[in-house]
Amino acid sequence: LKSRIDTLEATAYVVTYRYSIILAWYPAMMAIYIMVLFDSYLVRARSMWQFTFKSPIAHRMMTSMFMFSIIYLMLIHPFLPFAISPFYAPLAIVFQAFSLWGWISYTQKRL
């Protein structure tokens, strides 16, 4: 019974450590998020006045990528049972920012 409690404590420590790594990277990545949001909004605003077609397939793909990145960062990454480099968290956050850019910029002209 003692070994199970020790294992549970070690697992809780690893999960807490991984969440702290993810949360420690978010303030540094806020500059990227602000730039991505601004650029994607400008791309969408520009494309609203062009005679082009925004692909709903690309929009759906970017939406799925964004949702996957959120699920990965918040639910899967902290609970993986093997060692993970702390540099995967910022890569996942950049992937999340890229998919957010695509999600906003591939939005249809009229909602």
C-alpha atoms as a PDB file:
ATOM      1  CA  LEU A   1       0.000   0.000   0.000  1.00  0.00           C
ATOM      2  CA  LYS A   2       2.863   2.370   0.798  1.00  0.00           C
ATOM      3  CA  SER A   3       4.393   1.879  -2.656  1.00  0.00           C
ATOM      4  CA  ARG A   4       1.086   2.782  -4.311  1.00  0.00           C
ATOM      5  CA  ILE A   5       0.821   5.963  -2.267  1.00  0.00           C
ATOM      6  CA  ASP A   6       4.414   6.852  -3.170  1.00  0.00           C
ATOM      7  CA  THR A   7       3.666   6.208  -6.838  1.00  0.00           C
ATOM      8  CA  LEU A   8       0.562   8.395  -6.661  1.00  0.00           C
ATOM      9  CA  GLU A   9       2.560  11.193  -5.004  1.00  0.00           C
ATOM     10  CA  ALA A  10       5.288  10.939  -7.654  1.00  0.00           C
ATOM     11  CA  THR A  11       2.694  11.014 -10.435  1.00  0.00           C
ATOM     12  CA  ALA A  12       0.993  14.053  -8.903  1.00  0.00           C
ATOM     13  CA  TYR A  13       4.375  15.776  -8.664  1.00  0.00           C
ATOM     14  CA  VAL A  14       5.170  15.080 -12.332  1.00  0.00           C
ATOM     15  CA  VAL A  15       1.742  16.292 -13.474  1.00  0.00           C
ATOM     16  CA  THR A  16       2.069  19.456 -11.385  1.00  0.00           C
ATOM     17  CA  TYR A  17       5.573  20.029 -12.744  1.00  0.00           C
ATOM     18  CA  ARG A  18       4.400  19.658 -16.345  1.00  0.00           C
ATOM     19  CA  TYR A  19       1.462  22.022 -15.800  1.00  0.00           C
ATOM     20  CA  SER A  20       3.849  24.564 -14.289  1.00  0.00           C
ATOM     21  CA  ILE A  21       6.097  24.306 -17.349  1.00  0.00           C
ATOM     22  CA  ILE A  22       3.137  24.917 -19.647  1.00  0.00           C
ATOM     23  CA  LEU A  23       1.922  27.854 -17.560  1.00  0.00           C
ATOM     24  CA  ALA A  24       5.432  29.277 -17.314  1.00  0.00           C
ATOM     25  CA  TRP A  25       5.682  29.433 -21.104  1.00  0.00           C
ATOM     26  CA  TYR A  26       2.326  31.129 -21.698  1.00  0.00           C
ATOM     27  CA  PRO A  27       3.351  34.668 -20.606  1.00  0.00           C
ATOM     28  CA  ALA A  28       6.380  34.505 -22.883  1.00  0.00           C
ATOM     29  CA  MET A  29       4.214  33.288 -25.736  1.00  0.00           C
ATOM     30  CA  MET A  30       1.606  36.025 -25.301  1.00  0.00           C
ATOM     31  CA  ALA A  31       3.572  38.227 -27.706  1.00  0.00           C
ATOM     32  CA  ILE A  32       3.254  35.510 -30.349  1.00  0.00           C
ATOM     33  CA  TYR A  33      -0.467  35.169 -29.636  1.00  0.00           C
ATOM     34  CA  ILE A  34      -1.015  38.917 -29.965  1.00  0.00           C
ATOM     35  CA  MET A  35       0.873  39.025 -33.272  1.00  0.00           C
ATOM     36  CA  VAL A  36      -0.988  35.979 -34.565  1.00  0.00           C
ATOM     37  CA  LEU A  37      -4.385  37.376 -33.619  1.00  0.00           C
ATOM     38  CA  PHE A  38      -3.628  40.756 -35.182  1.00  0.00           C
ATOM     39  CA  ASP A  39      -2.230  39.244 -38.390  1.00  0.00           C
ATOM     40  CA  SER A  40      -5.057  36.737 -38.795  1.00  0.00           C
ATOM     41  CA  TYR A  41      -7.631  39.470 -38.271  1.00  0.00           C
ATOM     42  CA  LEU A  42      -5.944  41.613 -40.940  1.00  0.00           C
ATOM     43  CA  VAL A  43      -5.766  38.663 -43.348  1.00  0.00           C
ATOM     44  CA  ARG A  44      -9.455  37.992 -42.814  1.00  0.00           C
ATOM     45  CA  ALA A  45     -10.363  41.691 -43.180  1.00  0.00           C
ATOM     46  CA  ARG A  46      -8.375  41.900 -46.418  1.00  0.00           C
ATOM     47  CA  SER A  47      -9.879  38.731 -47.826  1.00  0.00           C
ATOM     48  CA  MET A  48     -13.415  39.949 -47.131  1.00  0.00           C
ATOM     49  CA  TRP A  49     -12.950  42.541 -49.888  1.00  0.00           C
ATOM     50  CA  GLN A  50     -11.355  40.196 -52.426  1.00  0.00           C
ATOM     51  CA  PHE A  51     -13.211  37.999 -54.863  1.00  0.00           C
ATOM     52  CA  THR A  52     -11.705  34.812 -53.500  1.00  0.00           C
ATOM     53  CA  PHE A  53     -13.173  31.730 -51.911  1.00  0.00           C
ATOM     54  CA  LYS A  54     -12.104  30.635 -48.452  1.00  0.00           C
ATOM     55  CA  SER A  55     -12.004  26.897 -48.192  1.00  0.00           C
ATOM     56  CA  PRO A  56     -14.289  25.472 -45.505  1.00  0.00           C
ATOM     57  CA  ILE A  57     -12.104  22.360 -45.502  1.00  0.00           C
ATOM     58  CA  ALA A  58      -9.046  24.419 -44.531  1.00  0.00           C
ATOM     59  CA  HIS A  59     -11.105  26.207 -41.869  1.00  0.00           C
ATOM     60  CA  ARG A  60     -12.306  22.895 -40.450  1.00  0.00           C
ATOM     61  CA  MET A  61      -8.769  21.483 -40.507  1.00  0.00           C
ATOM     62  CA  MET A  62      -7.396  24.486 -38.615  1.00  0.00           C
ATOM     63  CA  THR A  63     -10.255  24.277 -36.122  1.00  0.00           C
ATOM     64  CA  SER A  64      -9.461  20.617 -35.533  1.00  0.00           C
ATOM     65  CA  MET A  65      -5.744  21.395 -35.145  1.00  0.00           C
ATOM     66  CA  PHE A  66      -6.529  24.121 -32.604  1.00  0.00           C
ATOM     67  CA  MET A  67      -8.810  21.860 -30.580  1.00  0.00           C
ATOM     68  CA  PHE A  68      -6.242  19.047 -30.714  1.00  0.00           C
ATOM     69  CA  SER A  69      -3.502  21.377 -29.470  1.00  0.00           C
ATOM     70  CA  ILE A  70      -5.654  22.484 -26.532  1.00  0.00           C
ATOM     71  CA  ILE A  71      -6.553  18.898 -25.669  1.00  0.00           C
ATOM     72  CA  TYR A  72      -2.911  17.861 -26.002  1.00  0.00           C
ATOM     73  CA  LEU A  73      -1.552  20.663 -23.820  1.00  0.00           C
ATOM     74  CA  MET A  74      -4.158  20.435 -21.088  1.00  0.00           C
ATOM     75  CA  LEU A  75      -5.104  16.746 -20.972  1.00  0.00           C
ATOM     76  CA  ILE A  76      -2.566  14.527 -22.700  1.00  0.00           C
ATOM     77  CA  HIS A  77       0.853  16.172 -22.226  1.00  0.00           C
ATOM     78  CA  PRO A  78       0.847  16.325 -18.395  1.00  0.00           C
ATOM     79  CA  PHE A  79      -0.263  12.716 -18.000  1.00  0.00           C
ATOM     80  CA  LEU A  80       2.082  10.954 -20.425  1.00  0.00           C
ATOM     81  CA  PRO A  81       3.860   8.123 -18.583  1.00  0.00           C
ATOM     82  CA  PHE A  82       7.342   8.794 -19.974  1.00  0.00           C
ATOM     83  CA  ALA A  83       9.876  11.590 -19.776  1.00  0.00           C
ATOM     84  CA  ILE A  84       9.183  14.592 -21.980  1.00  0.00           C
ATOM     85  CA  SER A  85      11.564  17.414 -22.747  1.00  0.00           C
ATOM     86  CA  PRO A  86      10.379  20.775 -21.377  1.00  0.00           C
ATOM     87  CA  PHE A  87      10.835  22.231 -24.859  1.00  0.00           C
ATOM     88  CA  TYR A  88       7.824  20.367 -26.233  1.00  0.00           C
ATOM     89  CA  ALA A  89       5.474  22.712 -24.392  1.00  0.00           C
ATOM     90  CA  PRO A  90       6.545  25.862 -26.298  1.00  0.00           C
ATOM     91  CA  LEU A  91       6.480  23.924 -29.568  1.00  0.00           C
ATOM     92  CA  ALA A  92       2.917  22.864 -28.837  1.00  0.00           C
ATOM     93  CA  ILE A  93       2.029  26.461 -27.931  1.00  0.00           C
ATOM     94  CA  VAL A  94       3.486  27.727 -31.240  1.00  0.00           C
ATOM     95  CA  PHE A  95       1.532  24.994 -33.048  1.00  0.00           C
ATOM     96  CA  GLN A  96      -1.558  26.204 -31.217  1.00  0.00           C
ATOM     97  CA  ALA A  97      -0.881  29.799 -32.291  1.00  0.00           C
ATOM     98  CA  PHE A  98      -0.407  28.732 -35.928  1.00  0.00           C
ATOM     99  CA  SER A  99      -3.660  26.793 -35.931  1.00  0.00           C
ATOM    100  CA  LEU A 100      -5.418  29.779 -34.334  1.00  0.00           C
ATOM    101  CA  TRP A 101      -4.095  31.955 -37.163  1.00  0.00           C
ATOM    102  CA  GLY A 102      -5.469  29.555 -39.746  1.00  0.00           C
ATOM    103  CA  TRP A 103      -8.760  29.223 -37.931  1.00  0.00           C
ATOM    104  CA  ILE A 104      -9.365  32.985 -37.941  1.00  0.00           C
ATOM    105  CA  SER A 105      -7.926  33.773 -41.372  1.00  0.00           C
ATOM    106  CA  TYR A 106      -9.835  30.952 -43.104  1.00  0.00           C
ATOM    107  CA  THR A 107     -13.163  32.043 -41.660  1.00  0.00           C
ATOM    108  CA  GLN A 108     -15.794  32.626 -44.323  1.00  0.00           C
ATOM    109  CA  LYS A 109     -16.649  36.147 -45.427  1.00  0.00           C
ATOM    110  CA  ARG A 110     -20.113  36.111 -43.929  1.00  0.00           C
ATOM    111  CA  LEU A 111     -20.765  34.365 -40.676  1.00  0.00           C
END
